[in-house]
Amino acid sequence: MKSARQPIDGVLLLNKPVGITSNAALQKAKWLLNAKKAGHTGTLDPFADGLLPLCFGEATKFSAYLLEADKHYRAVMQLGVTTTTGDPEGEVLSTREVDASRDDILAVLPRFMGEIEQIPPMHSALKHQGRPLYEYARAGIEIERPARKVTIRSLELIECAPPRVVLDVQSTAGTYIRTLAQDIGAALGCGAHLTALKRTAAGGFSLELAHTLAELEALEPNDRQTLLQPADYLVAHLPALTLDESDAASLCQGRNIGYSGADSGLMRVYTATNRFLGLADADAGQLVPRRLINTQQA
């Protein structure tokens, strides 16, 4: 008789390789870990690599907190060439001579700092009438997309050897770095597209802490979970609160409990034995359960 599969809960900081989709990377890691439930915290295009945090089991309940976090990228642009997708996977639309100097590039970058508006690319996973935009794009259909506000927190010129330009970008969630590259190219009058993109950080997590699929595969099946961080890893930036046994039981049953602490807002909640229960909202003398893990699983 087969033993029941043990639940896999935790977070894997994955260094996604170039050439596969984020979902393919997720499914490979899910298979290697023999996990039942999995999700990622924001896609990377197939041509891009870098940090892709993956969530398994109960950790998927907290993925939104990293999905909405700032992201940090190293972006490689080629000036003078535009493509249908804004990246190397598209067909070339135009080729122009590049006479932009380092000073020219430095002069236009401030236009893209702070809050800006972007029109999402047609080759994206944004939905229109239930279908991703890239499906319309592949069918040759152009859908009108309203501009969206995003914030570029930092934009630094790292290397400048036109037509090759390397930028370091920190931005809010939902920013399309492909679109940023295209817009910078348009401002320079020569056009541009991304040739490479590496996500170096997401929220408070760095690529330096990430593991590759090859590392995961090289381990014995029973040892692969050692690369996982606990579910509360995603919400470590929130204040923590420890409850006694009675209050912990009440909260896990979905009931509000009294609260007299000084902190307010979302909090990480633990038992006296340091077992993570999930998130609760402290407000007006009450602690209200918001996102709790399944404490009944074996």
Protein backbone atom coordinates (compact mmCIF):
# COMPACT_ATOMS: atom_id res chain seq x y z
CA MET A 1 0.00 0.00 0.00
CA LYS A 2 1.38 3.39 -1.06
CA SER A 3 1.95 6.00 1.62
CA ALA A 4 0.12 9.31 1.24
CA ARG A 5 2.07 12.03 -0.53
CA GLN A 6 3.24 14.62 1.99
CA PRO A 7 2.14 18.19 1.24
CA ILE A 8 4.84 20.47 -0.14
CA ASP A 9 4.65 24.00 1.26
CA GLY A 10 7.17 26.75 0.70
CA VAL A 11 8.87 29.19 -1.64
CA LEU A 12 11.59 28.45 -4.18
CA LEU A 13 13.63 31.40 -5.43
CA LEU A 14 14.27 30.16 -8.96
CA ASN A 15 16.82 31.50 -11.42
CA LYS A 16 14.78 30.97 -14.58
CA PRO A 17 16.87 30.21 -17.66
CA VAL A 18 16.49 31.84 -21.06
CA GLY A 19 14.39 29.91 -23.56
CA ILE A 20 11.45 28.61 -21.53
CA THR A 21 8.24 30.16 -20.32
CA SER A 22 7.63 30.94 -16.67
CA ASN A 23 4.88 28.33 -16.61
CA ALA A 24 7.20 25.67 -18.07
CA ALA A 25 9.74 26.46 -15.35
CA LEU A 26 7.01 26.25 -12.73
CA GLN A 27 5.73 22.91 -14.00
CA LYS A 28 9.24 21.44 -14.07
CA ALA A 29 9.90 22.55 -10.48
CA LYS A 30 6.47 21.28 -9.42
CA TRP A 31 7.23 17.88 -10.92
CA LEU A 32 10.69 17.71 -9.35
CA LEU A 33 9.24 18.54 -5.93
CA ASN A 34 6.23 16.24 -6.41
CA ALA A 35 4.02 19.15 -5.32
CA LYS A 36 0.24 19.25 -5.72
CA LYS A 37 -0.30 23.01 -5.89
CA ALA A 38 2.01 25.65 -7.32
CA GLY A 39 2.09 29.20 -8.66
CA HIS A 40 4.56 31.93 -9.59
CA THR A 41 4.75 35.59 -8.63
CA GLY A 42 4.89 37.35 -11.98
CA THR A 43 5.94 36.04 -15.38
CA LEU A 44 9.24 36.46 -17.19
CA ASP A 45 9.19 36.27 -20.99
CA PRO A 46 10.95 33.25 -22.56
CA PHE A 47 13.87 35.44 -23.75
CA ALA A 48 14.35 36.77 -20.21
CA ASP A 49 16.05 35.11 -17.27
CA GLY A 50 16.55 35.76 -13.60
CA LEU A 51 14.59 35.72 -10.38
CA LEU A 52 11.24 33.94 -10.51
CA PRO A 53 9.90 33.13 -7.02
CA LEU A 54 7.74 29.99 -7.10
CA CYS A 55 5.16 29.15 -4.44
CA PHE A 56 4.01 25.68 -3.44
CA GLY A 57 1.11 24.47 -1.33
CA GLU A 58 0.00 26.90 1.37
CA ALA A 59 2.58 29.48 0.25
CA THR A 60 0.49 30.15 -2.88
CA LYS A 61 -1.99 31.99 -0.64
CA PHE A 62 0.59 34.75 -0.15
CA SER A 63 1.97 35.03 -3.69
CA ALA A 64 0.04 38.26 -4.36
CA TYR A 65 2.19 40.12 -1.83
CA LEU A 66 5.25 39.54 -4.00
CA LEU A 67 3.37 39.85 -7.29
CA GLU A 68 2.59 43.46 -6.34
CA ALA A 69 6.13 44.26 -5.15
CA ASP A 70 8.73 46.34 -6.99
CA LYS A 71 10.98 44.57 -9.48
CA HIS A 72 14.61 45.22 -10.46
CA TYR A 73 16.02 44.45 -13.91
CA ARG A 74 19.19 44.57 -16.01
CA ALA A 75 18.00 45.42 -19.54
CA VAL A 76 20.05 45.21 -22.73
CA MET A 77 18.76 47.39 -25.60
CA GLN A 78 19.71 47.48 -29.25
CA LEU A 79 19.19 50.93 -30.71
CA GLY A 80 18.20 51.36 -34.34
CA VAL A 81 16.10 48.21 -34.69
CA THR A 82 12.42 47.80 -33.80
CA THR A 83 10.56 44.48 -33.72
CA THR A 84 6.92 43.43 -33.60
CA THR A 85 7.26 42.26 -30.00
CA GLY A 86 9.83 44.73 -28.68
CA ASP A 87 12.20 41.82 -28.03
CA PRO A 88 14.36 39.39 -30.06
CA GLU A 89 11.47 36.97 -30.61
CA GLY A 90 9.61 39.33 -32.96
CA GLU A 91 10.04 40.18 -36.63
CA VAL A 92 12.07 43.25 -37.54
CA LEU A 93 9.86 46.24 -38.32
CA SER A 94 12.47 48.89 -39.05
CA THR A 95 16.20 49.49 -39.13
CA ARG A 96 17.66 52.96 -38.75
CA GLU A 97 21.07 54.50 -38.43
CA VAL A 98 22.11 55.24 -34.86
CA ASP A 99 23.90 58.49 -34.13
CA ALA A 100 22.87 58.81 -30.48
CA SER A 101 25.74 59.52 -28.11
CA ARG A 102 26.08 58.77 -24.44
CA ASP A 103 25.06 62.35 -23.68
CA ASP A 104 21.98 62.00 -25.89
CA ILE A 105 20.91 58.89 -24.01
CA LEU A 106 21.54 60.46 -20.61
CA ALA A 107 19.48 63.46 -21.71
CA VAL A 108 16.34 61.42 -22.47
CA LEU A 109 16.39 59.03 -19.50
CA PRO A 110 14.96 61.57 -17.01
CA ARG A 111 11.76 61.70 -19.11
CA PHE A 112 11.07 58.13 -18.03
CA MET A 113 11.72 58.56 -14.33
CA GLY A 114 8.93 58.67 -11.75
CA GLU A 115 5.29 58.08 -12.67
CA ILE A 116 4.85 57.54 -16.39
CA GLU A 117 2.18 56.13 -18.69
CA GLN A 118 2.69 52.98 -20.74
CA ILE A 119 0.53 51.37 -23.38
CA PRO A 120 0.73 47.61 -22.74
CA PRO A 121 2.18 45.66 -25.69
CA MET A 122 -0.05 43.51 -27.87
CA HIS A 123 2.32 40.62 -27.24
CA SER A 124 1.41 40.30 -23.56
CA ALA A 125 -0.74 38.11 -21.33
CA LEU A 126 -3.19 40.89 -20.50
CA LYS A 127 -6.75 39.75 -21.14
CA HIS A 128 -9.32 41.23 -23.56
CA GLN A 129 -12.75 39.59 -23.50
CA GLY A 130 -11.25 36.58 -21.75
CA ARG A 131 -8.38 36.04 -24.20
CA PRO A 132 -4.74 37.12 -23.78
CA LEU A 133 -3.64 39.93 -26.07
CA TYR A 134 -0.91 37.82 -27.65
CA GLU A 135 -3.57 35.58 -29.20
CA TYR A 136 -5.07 38.57 -31.01
CA ALA A 137 -1.58 39.71 -32.03
CA ARG A 138 -0.77 36.32 -33.54
CA ALA A 139 -4.02 36.55 -35.53
CA GLY A 140 -3.04 39.99 -36.83
CA ILE A 141 -5.71 41.78 -34.78
CA GLU A 142 -4.84 45.04 -33.05
CA ILE A 143 -6.79 45.78 -29.83
CA GLU A 144 -6.98 49.30 -28.46
CA ARG A 145 -5.26 49.38 -25.06
CA PRO A 146 -5.62 52.22 -22.58
CA ALA A 147 -2.41 53.64 -21.14
CA ARG A 148 -1.55 52.56 -17.60
CA LYS A 149 0.38 54.44 -14.96
CA VAL A 150 3.56 52.82 -13.65
CA THR A 151 6.48 54.19 -11.67
CA ILE A 152 10.14 53.95 -12.62
CA ARG A 153 11.96 54.35 -9.32
CA SER A 154 15.48 54.28 -10.76
CA LEU A 155 16.89 54.21 -14.28
CA GLU A 156 20.66 54.02 -14.57
CA LEU A 157 22.88 53.78 -17.64
CA ILE A 158 25.29 50.90 -16.95
CA GLU A 159 26.97 50.41 -20.34
CA CYS A 160 26.88 52.59 -23.42
CA ALA A 161 28.39 51.37 -26.69
CA PRO A 162 25.68 52.25 -29.25
CA PRO A 163 23.83 50.47 -30.68
CA ARG A 164 24.18 48.36 -27.50
CA VAL A 165 22.94 50.03 -24.31
CA VAL A 166 22.56 48.44 -20.87
CA LEU A 167 20.20 49.89 -18.27
CA ASP A 168 19.51 49.09 -14.62
CA VAL A 169 15.80 49.56 -13.92
CA GLN A 170 13.78 49.47 -10.71
CA SER A 171 10.03 49.77 -11.24
CA THR A 172 6.63 49.05 -9.80
CA ALA A 173 4.79 45.85 -10.63
CA GLY A 174 3.14 45.81 -14.03
CA THR A 175 5.87 47.77 -15.80
CA TYR A 176 6.75 46.47 -19.26
CA ILE A 177 10.50 46.85 -19.73
CA ARG A 178 10.06 46.02 -23.44
CA THR A 179 7.77 49.01 -23.77
CA LEU A 180 10.20 51.19 -21.82
CA ALA A 181 12.98 50.25 -24.24
CA GLN A 182 10.77 50.99 -27.25
CA ASP A 183 9.76 54.37 -25.82
CA ILE A 184 13.38 55.33 -25.08
CA GLY A 185 14.30 54.35 -28.64
CA ALA A 186 11.48 56.48 -30.00
CA ALA A 187 12.63 59.45 -27.89
CA LEU A 188 16.11 59.06 -29.39
CA GLY A 189 14.62 59.03 -32.90
CA CYS A 190 16.11 55.69 -33.92
CA GLY A 191 13.88 53.08 -32.28
CA ALA A 192 15.00 50.19 -30.08
CA HIS A 193 14.15 46.75 -28.77
CA LEU A 194 15.32 44.57 -25.90
CA THR A 195 17.85 41.86 -26.71
CA ALA A 196 18.16 40.54 -23.15
CA LEU A 197 16.44 41.04 -19.80
CA LYS A 198 17.45 39.74 -16.39
CA ARG A 199 15.32 40.19 -13.26
CA THR A 200 17.78 40.75 -10.45
CA ALA A 201 15.37 41.35 -7.56
CA ALA A 202 11.70 41.17 -6.59
CA GLY A 203 10.47 42.75 -3.40
CA GLY A 204 13.21 42.16 -0.85
CA PHE A 205 14.57 39.06 -2.60
CA SER A 206 17.73 38.95 -4.69
CA LEU A 207 18.81 36.79 -7.60
CA GLU A 208 21.96 35.95 -5.61
CA LEU A 209 19.79 33.74 -3.37
CA ALA A 210 18.12 31.89 -6.25
CA HIS A 211 18.63 28.29 -7.38
CA THR A 212 18.54 26.81 -10.87
CA LEU A 213 16.39 23.94 -12.11
CA ALA A 214 19.64 22.01 -12.63
CA GLU A 215 20.50 22.41 -8.93
CA LEU A 216 17.05 21.17 -7.97
CA GLU A 217 17.27 18.20 -10.33
CA ALA A 218 20.75 17.23 -9.10
CA LEU A 219 19.49 16.65 -5.57
CA GLU A 220 17.94 13.41 -4.38
CA PRO A 221 14.11 13.69 -4.40
CA ASN A 222 13.92 13.69 -0.59
CA ASP A 223 16.49 16.49 -0.38
CA ARG A 224 14.90 18.94 -2.82
CA GLN A 225 12.69 20.52 -0.18
CA THR A 226 15.83 21.81 1.54
CA LEU A 227 15.92 24.58 -1.11
CA LEU A 228 12.46 25.83 -0.09
CA GLN A 229 11.85 28.77 2.19
CA PRO A 230 8.80 28.65 4.54
CA ALA A 231 5.45 30.13 3.52
CA ASP A 232 5.89 33.23 5.69
CA TYR A 233 9.03 34.13 3.72
CA LEU A 234 6.85 36.13 1.31
CA VAL A 235 5.40 38.33 4.06
CA ALA A 236 8.48 38.76 6.26
CA HIS A 237 8.20 42.55 5.81
CA LEU A 238 4.99 42.62 7.89
CA PRO A 239 5.02 42.93 11.71
CA ALA A 240 4.65 39.67 13.65
CA LEU A 241 2.27 38.82 16.49
CA THR A 242 2.26 35.76 18.77
CA LEU A 243 -1.08 34.46 20.09
CA ASP A 244 -1.85 32.20 23.01
CA GLU A 245 -3.47 28.83 22.36
CA SER A 246 -7.05 30.03 22.88
CA ASP A 247 -6.79 33.08 20.62
CA ALA A 248 -4.93 31.10 17.97
CA ALA A 249 -7.71 28.50 17.91
CA SER A 250 -10.39 31.19 17.62
CA LEU A 251 -8.60 32.96 14.78
CA CYS A 252 -8.14 29.68 12.89
CA GLN A 253 -11.90 29.15 13.17
CA GLY A 254 -12.44 32.46 11.40
CA ARG A 255 -13.43 34.48 14.46
CA ASN A 256 -12.28 37.99 15.36
CA ILE A 257 -10.36 38.28 18.60
CA GLY A 258 -9.55 41.19 20.87
CA TYR A 259 -6.35 43.11 20.20
CA SER A 260 -4.61 45.71 22.35
CA GLY A 261 -1.28 46.10 20.53
CA ALA A 262 0.14 49.31 19.13
CA ASP A 263 0.60 48.07 15.54
CA SER A 264 -2.24 48.26 13.03
CA GLY A 265 -2.85 46.82 9.58
CA LEU A 266 -1.81 43.45 8.25
CA MET A 267 0.26 41.30 10.58
CA ARG A 268 1.92 37.87 10.51
CA VAL A 269 0.34 35.70 13.18
CA TYR A 270 2.06 32.83 15.02
CA THR A 271 1.30 30.40 17.83
CA ALA A 272 3.36 30.33 21.02
CA THR A 273 5.37 27.49 19.44
CA ASN A 274 6.23 29.77 16.48
CA ARG A 275 3.89 28.03 14.02
CA PHE A 276 2.80 30.40 11.25
CA LEU A 277 -0.99 30.77 11.03
CA GLY A 278 -1.30 33.37 8.29
CA LEU A 279 -2.28 37.03 8.13
CA ALA A 280 -4.73 39.03 10.20
CA ASP A 281 -5.75 42.68 10.14
CA ALA A 282 -5.37 44.65 13.38
CA ASP A 283 -7.91 47.47 13.57
CA ALA A 284 -10.08 49.15 16.21
CA GLY A 285 -9.16 46.76 19.02
CA GLN A 286 -9.83 43.65 16.95
CA LEU A 287 -7.73 41.13 15.07
CA VAL A 288 -9.59 40.04 11.92
CA PRO A 289 -8.46 36.92 10.03
CA ARG A 290 -7.53 37.74 6.40
CA ARG A 291 -5.46 34.93 4.90
CA LEU A 292 -4.89 31.80 6.94
CA ILE A 293 -3.05 28.61 6.11
CA ASN A 294 -4.68 25.20 6.36
CA THR A 295 -3.80 24.06 9.87
CA GLN A 296 -5.68 20.77 9.44
CA GLN A 297 -3.44 19.20 6.80
CA ALA A 298 -1.29 16.31 7.86
